[in-house]
Every structure is written in C-alpha cells, then in structure tokens.
N, C-alpha and C. Protein backbone atom coordinates (compact mmCIF):
# COMPACT_ATOMS: atom_id res chain seq x y z
N MET A 1 1.44 27.93 42.20
CA MET A 1 2.40 26.86 42.38
C MET A 1 2.10 25.75 41.37
N SER A 2 3.12 25.31 40.65
CA SER A 2 2.93 24.28 39.63
C SER A 2 3.03 22.89 40.25
N PRO A 3 2.34 21.93 39.66
CA PRO A 3 2.39 20.57 40.20
C PRO A 3 3.80 20.00 40.02
N PRO A 4 4.19 19.09 40.92
CA PRO A 4 5.54 18.49 40.80
C PRO A 4 5.63 17.65 39.54
N LYS A 5 6.78 17.69 38.93
CA LYS A 5 7.01 16.90 37.72
C LYS A 5 7.24 15.44 38.11
N SER A 6 6.64 14.55 37.34
CA SER A 6 6.85 13.14 37.63
C SER A 6 8.20 12.72 37.04
N ALA A 7 8.83 11.81 37.74
CA ALA A 7 10.13 11.32 37.28
C ALA A 7 9.91 10.41 36.08
N ARG A 8 10.76 10.55 35.09
CA ARG A 8 10.67 9.69 33.90
C ARG A 8 11.35 8.36 34.19
N THR A 9 10.78 7.33 33.65
CA THR A 9 11.38 6.01 33.78
C THR A 9 12.59 5.95 32.85
N PRO A 10 13.74 5.49 33.37
CA PRO A 10 14.92 5.39 32.50
C PRO A 10 14.64 4.52 31.28
N ALA A 11 15.25 4.87 30.16
CA ALA A 11 15.02 4.17 28.89
C ALA A 11 15.33 2.68 28.99
N THR A 12 16.39 2.33 29.72
CA THR A 12 16.74 0.91 29.84
C THR A 12 15.66 0.15 30.59
N GLU A 13 15.03 0.80 31.54
CA GLU A 13 13.95 0.16 32.29
C GLU A 13 12.71 0.00 31.41
N VAL A 14 12.41 1.01 30.61
CA VAL A 14 11.27 0.92 29.69
C VAL A 14 11.49 -0.23 28.72
N ARG A 15 12.69 -0.31 28.18
CA ARG A 15 13.01 -1.39 27.24
C ARG A 15 12.84 -2.75 27.90
N ALA A 16 13.37 -2.89 29.10
CA ALA A 16 13.26 -4.16 29.84
C ALA A 16 11.80 -4.49 30.14
N ASN A 17 11.02 -3.47 30.50
CA ASN A 17 9.60 -3.69 30.79
C ASN A 17 8.85 -4.13 29.54
N LEU A 18 9.18 -3.53 28.41
CA LEU A 18 8.54 -3.90 27.15
C LEU A 18 8.89 -5.35 26.77
N LEU A 19 10.15 -5.72 26.94
CA LEU A 19 10.56 -7.09 26.63
C LEU A 19 9.87 -8.10 27.55
N ALA A 20 9.80 -7.77 28.83
CA ALA A 20 9.14 -8.67 29.79
C ALA A 20 7.66 -8.80 29.45
N ALA A 21 7.02 -7.70 29.13
CA ALA A 21 5.59 -7.73 28.78
C ALA A 21 5.39 -8.53 27.49
N GLY A 22 6.25 -8.31 26.51
CA GLY A 22 6.16 -9.05 25.26
C GLY A 22 6.32 -10.54 25.48
N ARG A 23 7.25 -10.90 26.31
CA ARG A 23 7.49 -12.33 26.58
C ARG A 23 6.28 -12.96 27.27
N ARG A 24 5.70 -12.26 28.23
CA ARG A 24 4.52 -12.80 28.93
C ARG A 24 3.35 -12.98 27.96
N ILE A 25 3.12 -11.99 27.14
CA ILE A 25 2.02 -12.08 26.18
C ILE A 25 2.28 -13.20 25.18
N LEU A 26 3.50 -13.27 24.69
CA LEU A 26 3.87 -14.28 23.71
C LEU A 26 3.61 -15.69 24.24
N GLU A 27 4.07 -15.97 25.43
CA GLU A 27 3.92 -17.32 25.98
C GLU A 27 2.51 -17.61 26.45
N ARG A 28 1.81 -16.60 26.93
CA ARG A 28 0.46 -16.83 27.43
C ARG A 28 -0.57 -16.91 26.31
N ASP A 29 -0.45 -16.00 25.32
CA ASP A 29 -1.51 -15.85 24.32
C ASP A 29 -1.07 -16.10 22.88
N GLY A 30 0.23 -16.26 22.64
CA GLY A 30 0.71 -16.55 21.29
C GLY A 30 1.08 -15.31 20.50
N VAL A 31 1.63 -15.55 19.33
CA VAL A 31 2.15 -14.48 18.48
C VAL A 31 1.04 -13.53 18.05
N ALA A 32 -0.13 -14.06 17.74
CA ALA A 32 -1.22 -13.21 17.25
C ALA A 32 -1.62 -12.15 18.27
N ALA A 33 -1.47 -12.45 19.55
CA ALA A 33 -1.85 -11.50 20.61
C ALA A 33 -0.76 -10.45 20.86
N LEU A 34 0.41 -10.66 20.29
CA LEU A 34 1.52 -9.74 20.52
C LEU A 34 1.37 -8.53 19.59
N THR A 35 0.66 -7.54 20.09
CA THR A 35 0.48 -6.31 19.33
C THR A 35 1.22 -5.19 20.05
N VAL A 36 1.51 -4.13 19.33
CA VAL A 36 2.18 -2.98 19.92
C VAL A 36 1.36 -2.46 21.09
N ARG A 37 0.07 -2.32 20.88
CA ARG A 37 -0.81 -1.79 21.93
C ARG A 37 -0.83 -2.70 23.16
N ALA A 38 -0.95 -4.01 22.95
CA ALA A 38 -1.02 -4.95 24.07
C ALA A 38 0.27 -4.93 24.88
N VAL A 39 1.39 -4.91 24.21
CA VAL A 39 2.68 -4.90 24.91
C VAL A 39 2.85 -3.59 25.67
N ALA A 40 2.54 -2.49 25.03
CA ALA A 40 2.68 -1.18 25.69
C ALA A 40 1.78 -1.10 26.92
N THR A 41 0.55 -1.55 26.78
CA THR A 41 -0.38 -1.53 27.91
C THR A 41 0.15 -2.38 29.06
N LYS A 42 0.60 -3.58 28.74
CA LYS A 42 1.12 -4.50 29.77
C LYS A 42 2.36 -3.91 30.45
N ALA A 43 3.17 -3.17 29.69
CA ALA A 43 4.40 -2.58 30.24
C ALA A 43 4.12 -1.24 30.93
N GLY A 44 2.92 -0.71 30.74
CA GLY A 44 2.58 0.57 31.37
C GLY A 44 3.20 1.77 30.69
N VAL A 45 3.38 1.68 29.37
CA VAL A 45 3.94 2.80 28.61
C VAL A 45 3.04 3.08 27.41
N ALA A 46 3.27 4.20 26.77
CA ALA A 46 2.53 4.54 25.56
C ALA A 46 3.00 3.64 24.42
N PRO A 47 2.11 3.33 23.47
CA PRO A 47 2.50 2.51 22.32
C PRO A 47 3.73 3.05 21.59
N MET A 48 3.92 4.35 21.62
CA MET A 48 5.08 4.94 20.95
C MET A 48 6.39 4.39 21.54
N GLY A 49 6.35 3.94 22.78
CA GLY A 49 7.54 3.36 23.41
C GLY A 49 8.06 2.16 22.65
N VAL A 50 7.14 1.34 22.10
CA VAL A 50 7.56 0.17 21.32
C VAL A 50 8.29 0.63 20.07
N TYR A 51 7.78 1.70 19.45
CA TYR A 51 8.43 2.23 18.23
C TYR A 51 9.76 2.89 18.56
N ASN A 52 9.81 3.59 19.68
CA ASN A 52 11.05 4.27 20.08
C ASN A 52 12.18 3.28 20.38
N HIS A 53 11.83 2.16 20.98
CA HIS A 53 12.86 1.20 21.40
C HIS A 53 13.10 0.08 20.40
N PHE A 54 12.09 -0.26 19.59
CA PHE A 54 12.21 -1.43 18.72
C PHE A 54 11.78 -1.18 17.28
N ASP A 55 11.41 0.00 16.93
CA ASP A 55 10.90 0.30 15.59
C ASP A 55 9.65 -0.50 15.24
N GLY A 56 8.88 -0.88 16.24
CA GLY A 56 7.62 -1.57 15.99
C GLY A 56 7.64 -3.03 16.39
N LYS A 57 6.58 -3.72 15.98
CA LYS A 57 6.39 -5.13 16.37
C LYS A 57 7.51 -6.03 15.87
N GLU A 58 7.93 -5.86 14.62
CA GLU A 58 8.98 -6.72 14.07
C GLU A 58 10.28 -6.59 14.88
N GLY A 59 10.64 -5.37 15.20
CA GLY A 59 11.84 -5.15 16.01
C GLY A 59 11.71 -5.74 17.40
N LEU A 60 10.51 -5.65 17.97
CA LEU A 60 10.26 -6.24 19.29
C LEU A 60 10.40 -7.76 19.21
N LEU A 61 9.82 -8.38 18.19
CA LEU A 61 9.97 -9.83 18.03
C LEU A 61 11.43 -10.23 17.87
N ASN A 62 12.18 -9.47 17.09
CA ASN A 62 13.61 -9.77 16.91
C ASN A 62 14.35 -9.65 18.24
N ALA A 63 14.01 -8.65 19.03
CA ALA A 63 14.65 -8.48 20.35
C ALA A 63 14.26 -9.63 21.28
N LEU A 64 13.01 -10.06 21.21
CA LEU A 64 12.57 -11.18 22.05
C LEU A 64 13.31 -12.47 21.70
N VAL A 65 13.48 -12.75 20.41
CA VAL A 65 14.20 -13.98 20.06
C VAL A 65 15.69 -13.85 20.36
N THR A 66 16.24 -12.65 20.24
CA THR A 66 17.65 -12.45 20.61
C THR A 66 17.83 -12.72 22.10
N ASP A 67 16.94 -12.17 22.93
CA ASP A 67 17.01 -12.44 24.36
C ASP A 67 16.79 -13.92 24.65
N GLY A 68 15.89 -14.53 23.88
CA GLY A 68 15.65 -15.96 24.05
C GLY A 68 16.91 -16.77 23.78
N PHE A 69 17.63 -16.43 22.72
CA PHE A 69 18.88 -17.14 22.42
C PHE A 69 19.92 -16.92 23.51
N ALA A 70 19.97 -15.73 24.07
CA ALA A 70 20.94 -15.47 25.15
C ALA A 70 20.63 -16.35 26.36
N GLU A 71 19.37 -16.43 26.72
CA GLU A 71 18.96 -17.27 27.85
C GLU A 71 19.22 -18.74 27.53
N PHE A 72 18.86 -19.15 26.34
CA PHE A 72 19.03 -20.52 25.86
C PHE A 72 20.50 -20.94 25.93
N ALA A 73 21.38 -20.07 25.44
CA ALA A 73 22.82 -20.36 25.46
C ALA A 73 23.31 -20.58 26.88
N GLY A 74 22.85 -19.75 27.78
CA GLY A 74 23.25 -19.90 29.18
C GLY A 74 22.80 -21.22 29.77
N LEU A 75 21.64 -21.69 29.35
CA LEU A 75 21.11 -22.94 29.89
C LEU A 75 21.79 -24.17 29.31
N ILE A 76 22.14 -24.14 28.04
CA ILE A 76 22.75 -25.34 27.47
C ILE A 76 24.26 -25.39 27.73
N ALA A 77 24.79 -24.37 28.34
CA ALA A 77 26.21 -24.36 28.68
C ALA A 77 26.43 -25.11 29.99
N ALA A 78 26.15 -26.40 29.99
CA ALA A 78 26.34 -27.22 31.19
C ALA A 78 27.80 -27.21 31.60
N THR A 79 28.06 -27.26 32.90
CA THR A 79 29.44 -27.16 33.40
C THR A 79 29.84 -28.33 34.29
N ASP A 80 29.13 -29.44 34.18
CA ASP A 80 29.47 -30.61 34.99
C ASP A 80 30.90 -31.05 34.68
N ALA A 81 31.60 -31.54 35.68
CA ALA A 81 32.99 -31.97 35.49
C ALA A 81 33.08 -33.19 34.58
N ASP A 82 32.16 -34.13 34.74
CA ASP A 82 32.16 -35.34 33.92
C ASP A 82 31.64 -35.00 32.52
N PRO A 83 32.42 -35.28 31.47
CA PRO A 83 32.01 -34.92 30.11
C PRO A 83 30.69 -35.54 29.66
N SER A 84 30.44 -36.79 30.05
CA SER A 84 29.19 -37.45 29.66
C SER A 84 28.00 -36.78 30.33
N THR A 85 28.14 -36.48 31.60
CA THR A 85 27.08 -35.80 32.35
C THR A 85 26.86 -34.41 31.78
N ARG A 86 27.95 -33.75 31.41
CA ARG A 86 27.85 -32.40 30.83
C ARG A 86 27.03 -32.44 29.53
N LEU A 87 27.32 -33.42 28.67
CA LEU A 87 26.59 -33.53 27.41
C LEU A 87 25.11 -33.83 27.66
N LEU A 88 24.83 -34.78 28.55
CA LEU A 88 23.44 -35.14 28.84
C LEU A 88 22.68 -33.97 29.47
N ASN A 89 23.29 -33.27 30.41
CA ASN A 89 22.61 -32.15 31.05
C ASN A 89 22.39 -30.99 30.08
N SER A 90 23.31 -30.80 29.18
CA SER A 90 23.11 -29.78 28.15
C SER A 90 21.87 -30.12 27.33
N GLY A 91 21.74 -31.37 26.95
CA GLY A 91 20.57 -31.82 26.20
C GLY A 91 19.29 -31.68 27.00
N ARG A 92 19.35 -32.01 28.26
CA ARG A 92 18.15 -31.86 29.12
C ARG A 92 17.76 -30.40 29.25
N ASN A 93 18.76 -29.53 29.39
CA ASN A 93 18.47 -28.10 29.50
C ASN A 93 17.91 -27.54 28.20
N TYR A 94 18.37 -28.08 27.08
CA TYR A 94 17.85 -27.69 25.76
C TYR A 94 16.34 -27.94 25.73
N ARG A 95 15.95 -29.16 26.05
CA ARG A 95 14.53 -29.51 26.05
C ARG A 95 13.78 -28.70 27.11
N GLY A 96 14.37 -28.53 28.28
CA GLY A 96 13.70 -27.79 29.35
C GLY A 96 13.33 -26.38 28.91
N PHE A 97 14.24 -25.72 28.22
CA PHE A 97 13.95 -24.37 27.73
C PHE A 97 12.80 -24.41 26.73
N ALA A 98 12.86 -25.35 25.79
CA ALA A 98 11.84 -25.42 24.73
C ALA A 98 10.46 -25.72 25.31
N VAL A 99 10.39 -26.63 26.26
CA VAL A 99 9.11 -27.01 26.84
C VAL A 99 8.55 -25.87 27.70
N ALA A 100 9.42 -25.15 28.39
CA ALA A 100 8.98 -24.03 29.23
C ALA A 100 8.59 -22.81 28.41
N ASN A 101 9.15 -22.67 27.21
CA ASN A 101 8.93 -21.49 26.36
C ASN A 101 8.62 -21.91 24.93
N PRO A 102 7.56 -22.67 24.71
CA PRO A 102 7.34 -23.26 23.38
C PRO A 102 7.14 -22.23 22.27
N THR A 103 6.44 -21.16 22.55
CA THR A 103 6.20 -20.17 21.50
C THR A 103 7.49 -19.45 21.15
N LEU A 104 8.22 -19.02 22.16
CA LEU A 104 9.48 -18.33 21.93
C LEU A 104 10.47 -19.25 21.22
N TYR A 105 10.59 -20.48 21.69
CA TYR A 105 11.50 -21.44 21.07
C TYR A 105 11.17 -21.63 19.59
N THR A 106 9.90 -21.80 19.29
CA THR A 106 9.48 -21.98 17.90
C THR A 106 9.84 -20.76 17.06
N LEU A 107 9.62 -19.57 17.60
CA LEU A 107 9.98 -18.34 16.89
C LEU A 107 11.49 -18.23 16.67
N MET A 108 12.26 -18.67 17.65
CA MET A 108 13.72 -18.58 17.55
C MET A 108 14.24 -19.35 16.34
N PHE A 109 13.56 -20.41 15.97
CA PHE A 109 14.01 -21.24 14.86
C PHE A 109 13.13 -21.10 13.63
N SER A 110 12.35 -20.04 13.59
CA SER A 110 11.49 -19.80 12.44
C SER A 110 12.14 -18.76 11.53
N MET A 111 11.54 -18.59 10.39
CA MET A 111 11.99 -17.56 9.45
C MET A 111 11.26 -16.24 9.70
N ASP A 112 10.40 -16.21 10.73
CA ASP A 112 9.59 -15.03 11.01
C ASP A 112 10.34 -13.95 11.78
N CYS A 113 11.44 -14.32 12.41
CA CYS A 113 12.21 -13.38 13.24
C CYS A 113 13.69 -13.51 12.92
N GLU A 114 14.41 -12.48 13.29
CA GLU A 114 15.85 -12.50 13.05
C GLU A 114 16.58 -12.05 14.32
N ALA A 115 17.19 -13.01 14.99
CA ALA A 115 17.97 -12.70 16.18
C ALA A 115 19.32 -12.12 15.77
N GLU A 116 19.94 -11.41 16.69
CA GLU A 116 21.30 -10.94 16.44
C GLU A 116 22.17 -12.16 16.24
N SER A 117 22.89 -12.21 15.14
CA SER A 117 23.60 -13.44 14.75
C SER A 117 24.64 -13.88 15.79
N GLU A 118 25.35 -12.95 16.40
CA GLU A 118 26.37 -13.34 17.39
C GLU A 118 25.72 -14.00 18.61
N VAL A 119 24.57 -13.49 19.01
CA VAL A 119 23.88 -14.04 20.18
C VAL A 119 23.33 -15.42 19.84
N ALA A 120 22.72 -15.55 18.70
CA ALA A 120 22.17 -16.84 18.29
C ALA A 120 23.27 -17.88 18.13
N ALA A 121 24.40 -17.48 17.57
CA ALA A 121 25.52 -18.41 17.36
C ALA A 121 26.12 -18.88 18.68
N ARG A 122 26.02 -18.05 19.71
CA ARG A 122 26.61 -18.42 20.99
C ARG A 122 26.04 -19.74 21.51
N ALA A 123 24.74 -19.97 21.31
CA ALA A 123 24.13 -21.21 21.77
C ALA A 123 24.80 -22.41 21.09
N PHE A 124 25.00 -22.32 19.80
CA PHE A 124 25.64 -23.42 19.08
C PHE A 124 27.07 -23.62 19.58
N PHE A 125 27.79 -22.54 19.79
CA PHE A 125 29.19 -22.68 20.20
C PHE A 125 29.33 -23.14 21.65
N GLU A 126 28.29 -22.98 22.45
CA GLU A 126 28.31 -23.61 23.78
C GLU A 126 28.34 -25.13 23.61
N LEU A 127 27.56 -25.63 22.67
CA LEU A 127 27.56 -27.07 22.40
C LEU A 127 28.90 -27.51 21.81
N VAL A 128 29.48 -26.71 20.94
CA VAL A 128 30.80 -27.03 20.39
C VAL A 128 31.81 -27.15 21.53
N ASP A 129 31.75 -26.25 22.49
CA ASP A 129 32.68 -26.31 23.64
C ASP A 129 32.47 -27.58 24.45
N ILE A 130 31.23 -28.02 24.59
CA ILE A 130 30.95 -29.27 25.31
C ILE A 130 31.55 -30.46 24.55
N VAL A 131 31.45 -30.44 23.24
CA VAL A 131 32.05 -31.50 22.42
C VAL A 131 33.57 -31.48 22.59
N LYS A 132 34.18 -30.32 22.50
CA LYS A 132 35.63 -30.21 22.67
C LYS A 132 36.07 -30.72 24.05
N TYR A 133 35.32 -30.36 25.06
CA TYR A 133 35.62 -30.80 26.43
C TYR A 133 35.61 -32.33 26.49
N GLY A 134 34.59 -32.93 25.88
CA GLY A 134 34.50 -34.39 25.85
C GLY A 134 35.61 -35.03 25.04
N GLN A 135 36.04 -34.36 23.98
CA GLN A 135 37.14 -34.88 23.17
C GLN A 135 38.45 -34.85 23.94
N VAL A 136 38.70 -33.76 24.62
CA VAL A 136 39.94 -33.64 25.41
C VAL A 136 39.98 -34.71 26.49
N ALA A 137 38.82 -35.01 27.07
CA ALA A 137 38.75 -36.03 28.12
C ALA A 137 38.75 -37.45 27.56
N GLY A 138 38.70 -37.59 26.22
CA GLY A 138 38.68 -38.90 25.61
C GLY A 138 37.33 -39.59 25.64
N MET A 139 36.26 -38.84 25.97
CA MET A 139 34.92 -39.43 26.07
C MET A 139 34.13 -39.28 24.76
N ILE A 140 34.50 -38.28 23.96
CA ILE A 140 33.83 -38.06 22.68
C ILE A 140 34.84 -38.32 21.58
N ARG A 141 34.39 -38.99 20.53
CA ARG A 141 35.30 -39.41 19.46
C ARG A 141 35.95 -38.22 18.77
N PRO A 142 37.11 -38.44 18.17
CA PRO A 142 37.77 -37.37 17.43
C PRO A 142 36.92 -36.97 16.22
N GLY A 143 37.16 -35.78 15.76
CA GLY A 143 36.45 -35.26 14.59
C GLY A 143 36.26 -33.77 14.76
N GLU A 144 35.76 -33.15 13.72
CA GLU A 144 35.52 -31.71 13.78
C GLU A 144 34.43 -31.43 14.81
N PRO A 145 34.75 -30.69 15.87
CA PRO A 145 33.76 -30.43 16.92
C PRO A 145 32.50 -29.74 16.39
N GLU A 146 32.66 -28.86 15.42
CA GLU A 146 31.50 -28.16 14.86
C GLU A 146 30.57 -29.13 14.15
N GLN A 147 31.15 -30.11 13.43
CA GLN A 147 30.33 -31.09 12.73
C GLN A 147 29.59 -32.00 13.71
N LEU A 148 30.29 -32.45 14.74
CA LEU A 148 29.64 -33.29 15.75
C LEU A 148 28.55 -32.51 16.47
N ALA A 149 28.82 -31.25 16.79
CA ALA A 149 27.82 -30.42 17.46
C ALA A 149 26.60 -30.23 16.57
N ALA A 150 26.81 -30.05 15.28
CA ALA A 150 25.69 -29.88 14.35
C ALA A 150 24.83 -31.15 14.30
N GLN A 151 25.46 -32.30 14.34
CA GLN A 151 24.71 -33.55 14.33
C GLN A 151 23.92 -33.73 15.63
N ILE A 152 24.55 -33.41 16.74
CA ILE A 152 23.86 -33.49 18.04
C ILE A 152 22.67 -32.54 18.05
N TRP A 153 22.92 -31.31 17.59
CA TRP A 153 21.87 -30.29 17.58
C TRP A 153 20.68 -30.76 16.73
N ALA A 154 20.97 -31.33 15.57
CA ALA A 154 19.89 -31.79 14.69
C ALA A 154 19.04 -32.86 15.38
N CYS A 155 19.68 -33.74 16.11
CA CYS A 155 18.94 -34.80 16.80
C CYS A 155 18.06 -34.24 17.91
N VAL A 156 18.63 -33.40 18.77
CA VAL A 156 17.82 -32.88 19.89
C VAL A 156 16.74 -31.94 19.38
N HIS A 157 17.06 -31.16 18.36
CA HIS A 157 16.06 -30.24 17.81
C HIS A 157 14.90 -31.03 17.21
N GLY A 158 15.21 -32.09 16.51
CA GLY A 158 14.15 -32.92 15.93
C GLY A 158 13.26 -33.53 16.99
N ALA A 159 13.85 -34.05 18.05
CA ALA A 159 13.06 -34.65 19.12
C ALA A 159 12.18 -33.61 19.80
N VAL A 160 12.73 -32.43 20.04
CA VAL A 160 11.95 -31.35 20.67
C VAL A 160 10.84 -30.88 19.73
N ALA A 161 11.14 -30.74 18.46
CA ALA A 161 10.13 -30.30 17.49
C ALA A 161 8.96 -31.29 17.44
N LEU A 162 9.25 -32.58 17.48
CA LEU A 162 8.19 -33.58 17.50
C LEU A 162 7.32 -33.42 18.74
N GLU A 163 7.96 -33.20 19.87
CA GLU A 163 7.21 -33.04 21.11
C GLU A 163 6.35 -31.78 21.09
N LEU A 164 6.91 -30.65 20.68
CA LEU A 164 6.16 -29.40 20.67
C LEU A 164 5.00 -29.44 19.69
N ALA A 165 5.14 -30.20 18.62
CA ALA A 165 4.06 -30.32 17.64
C ALA A 165 3.07 -31.43 18.01
N SER A 166 3.30 -32.06 19.16
CA SER A 166 2.46 -33.18 19.60
C SER A 166 2.38 -34.26 18.53
N SER A 167 3.52 -34.55 17.92
CA SER A 167 3.57 -35.49 16.80
C SER A 167 3.95 -36.92 17.19
N TYR A 168 4.29 -37.14 18.45
CA TYR A 168 4.57 -38.51 18.86
C TYR A 168 3.26 -39.29 18.92
N PRO A 169 3.32 -40.59 18.66
CA PRO A 169 2.11 -41.41 18.85
C PRO A 169 1.67 -41.31 20.32
N PRO A 170 0.39 -41.48 20.59
CA PRO A 170 -0.12 -41.28 21.96
C PRO A 170 0.48 -42.23 22.99
N PHE A 171 1.01 -43.34 22.57
CA PHE A 171 1.59 -44.30 23.51
C PHE A 171 3.06 -44.02 23.81
N ILE A 172 3.64 -42.96 23.22
CA ILE A 172 5.03 -42.58 23.47
C ILE A 172 5.06 -41.41 24.45
N ASP A 173 5.79 -41.57 25.53
CA ASP A 173 5.98 -40.49 26.49
C ASP A 173 7.13 -39.62 25.97
N PRO A 174 6.85 -38.37 25.60
CA PRO A 174 7.90 -37.52 25.02
C PRO A 174 9.11 -37.32 25.94
N SER A 175 8.87 -37.22 27.22
CA SER A 175 9.98 -37.02 28.16
C SER A 175 10.90 -38.24 28.18
N ALA A 176 10.31 -39.41 28.27
CA ALA A 176 11.11 -40.64 28.28
C ALA A 176 11.80 -40.84 26.93
N ALA A 177 11.09 -40.55 25.85
CA ALA A 177 11.68 -40.68 24.52
C ALA A 177 12.87 -39.75 24.38
N TYR A 178 12.73 -38.52 24.88
CA TYR A 178 13.83 -37.55 24.77
C TYR A 178 15.05 -38.03 25.55
N GLU A 179 14.82 -38.56 26.74
CA GLU A 179 15.95 -39.08 27.54
C GLU A 179 16.66 -40.19 26.78
N GLN A 180 15.91 -41.04 26.10
CA GLN A 180 16.52 -42.11 25.31
C GLN A 180 17.29 -41.53 24.11
N VAL A 181 16.76 -40.45 23.51
CA VAL A 181 17.43 -39.80 22.38
C VAL A 181 18.78 -39.24 22.81
N ILE A 182 18.83 -38.53 23.95
CA ILE A 182 20.12 -37.94 24.33
C ILE A 182 21.12 -39.02 24.75
N ARG A 183 20.63 -40.12 25.30
CA ARG A 183 21.55 -41.22 25.62
C ARG A 183 22.04 -41.91 24.34
N LEU A 184 21.16 -42.00 23.34
CA LEU A 184 21.56 -42.53 22.03
C LEU A 184 22.62 -41.64 21.40
N ILE A 185 22.44 -40.34 21.51
CA ILE A 185 23.43 -39.39 20.99
C ILE A 185 24.76 -39.58 21.70
N ALA A 186 24.72 -39.67 23.03
CA ALA A 186 25.95 -39.85 23.80
C ALA A 186 26.70 -41.11 23.37
N ARG A 187 25.97 -42.19 23.14
CA ARG A 187 26.62 -43.43 22.66
C ARG A 187 27.16 -43.22 21.24
N GLY A 188 26.43 -42.49 20.42
CA GLY A 188 26.82 -42.28 19.04
C GLY A 188 28.08 -41.43 18.87
N VAL A 189 28.33 -40.54 19.81
CA VAL A 189 29.54 -39.69 19.70
C VAL A 189 30.64 -40.16 20.63
N ALA A 190 30.41 -41.26 21.33
CA ALA A 190 31.42 -41.76 22.28
C ALA A 190 32.69 -42.18 21.53
N ALA A 191 33.80 -42.04 22.24
CA ALA A 191 35.10 -42.42 21.69
C ALA A 191 35.14 -43.93 21.48
C-alpha cells in the first residue's frame, strides 16, 4: 500500500504566502534580510517557489511594491462627504501608511523597484479625484486637478520623507508638524 499523496497548495495561495512573508521580513529586518531563502522559509515553501512566482528576488520586490501601492491607494482614497475633511483625511492616511510601513514606503518611491505602472498611478489619481471633488464643491480653487494634486503630493511626500529620515530638529514633533503641513496645504488650495 502506497502512502497517501499530500495535497498541493494552490499556486495563488503560495504566491500570497510568499508576498506576506516578504512583507514581514522587509518591515521587520529591512531589505538586506529579504533573501529568496528567507522568504521561502518563512512562507513554508521551497526557494524555487520564489523563482516560479516572481523570477527571483527582484520580481518579488516589484510585486511587494505593487501590492504596497494598491494598499496605499485604497488608504488615501478618503470618502468623507465634506471636501476639506476628505483632503485632510487623505493626507493623514498617506502619512499613516508611510509610518506603519517605512521600509516598503521608501522602496515604493525608490529607483530600486518597479511597481506595475497602472497600480502605482492609481494612488495619484485617487488624490486627483479628491481635488476634483473639492473643486466641484467650490472648496478647492479652480485649476488643473492633476497639477494641484502633484503639488499636494510633493508637500506631503516631503514632510513624510523628513520624518522617516529623522531629519526634523529634535524639538519638532513630526506628527504635529505634519498636521500643520496638511492644514497649510488645505489653505493653499482653498477657493
């Protein structure tokens, strides 16, 4: 009598497990610790699984930043009815994601990885939609929504980058400074 065959894990589950393991390693131990072997071990699969699903470490990193952008876009897509609150909450969610996932966030905006362009662009266009919503309501000044969104993005990204790099002077509270930055932005784009 032959031993029973073990059931194979579906490919989509293996892929999801590899991404989850990669994300945990990335945030806990940094990019240097993200090796094919470490991710495979953490996911409970053979190292070949990383190559089968992602063509190696580079493909895994690209998939991680693509997933990061998808999550990020969902978070900055604030849906508050009040346009001002929507803009402020989008900014707060932007920072919240970056602070909760500093390594992933940094990789998302680095030249070291390449996210799927449509997924990465979705985050920006969520902000464009928030600008358009505010313009229709008369709360955000007229102008090209993409240009206003780019200016807003540059401001929040700069404030977050300063915080993640610990570049604020020690007497500046990054959280309070960020809140002042997003309120400054809201006043700057007001109608």
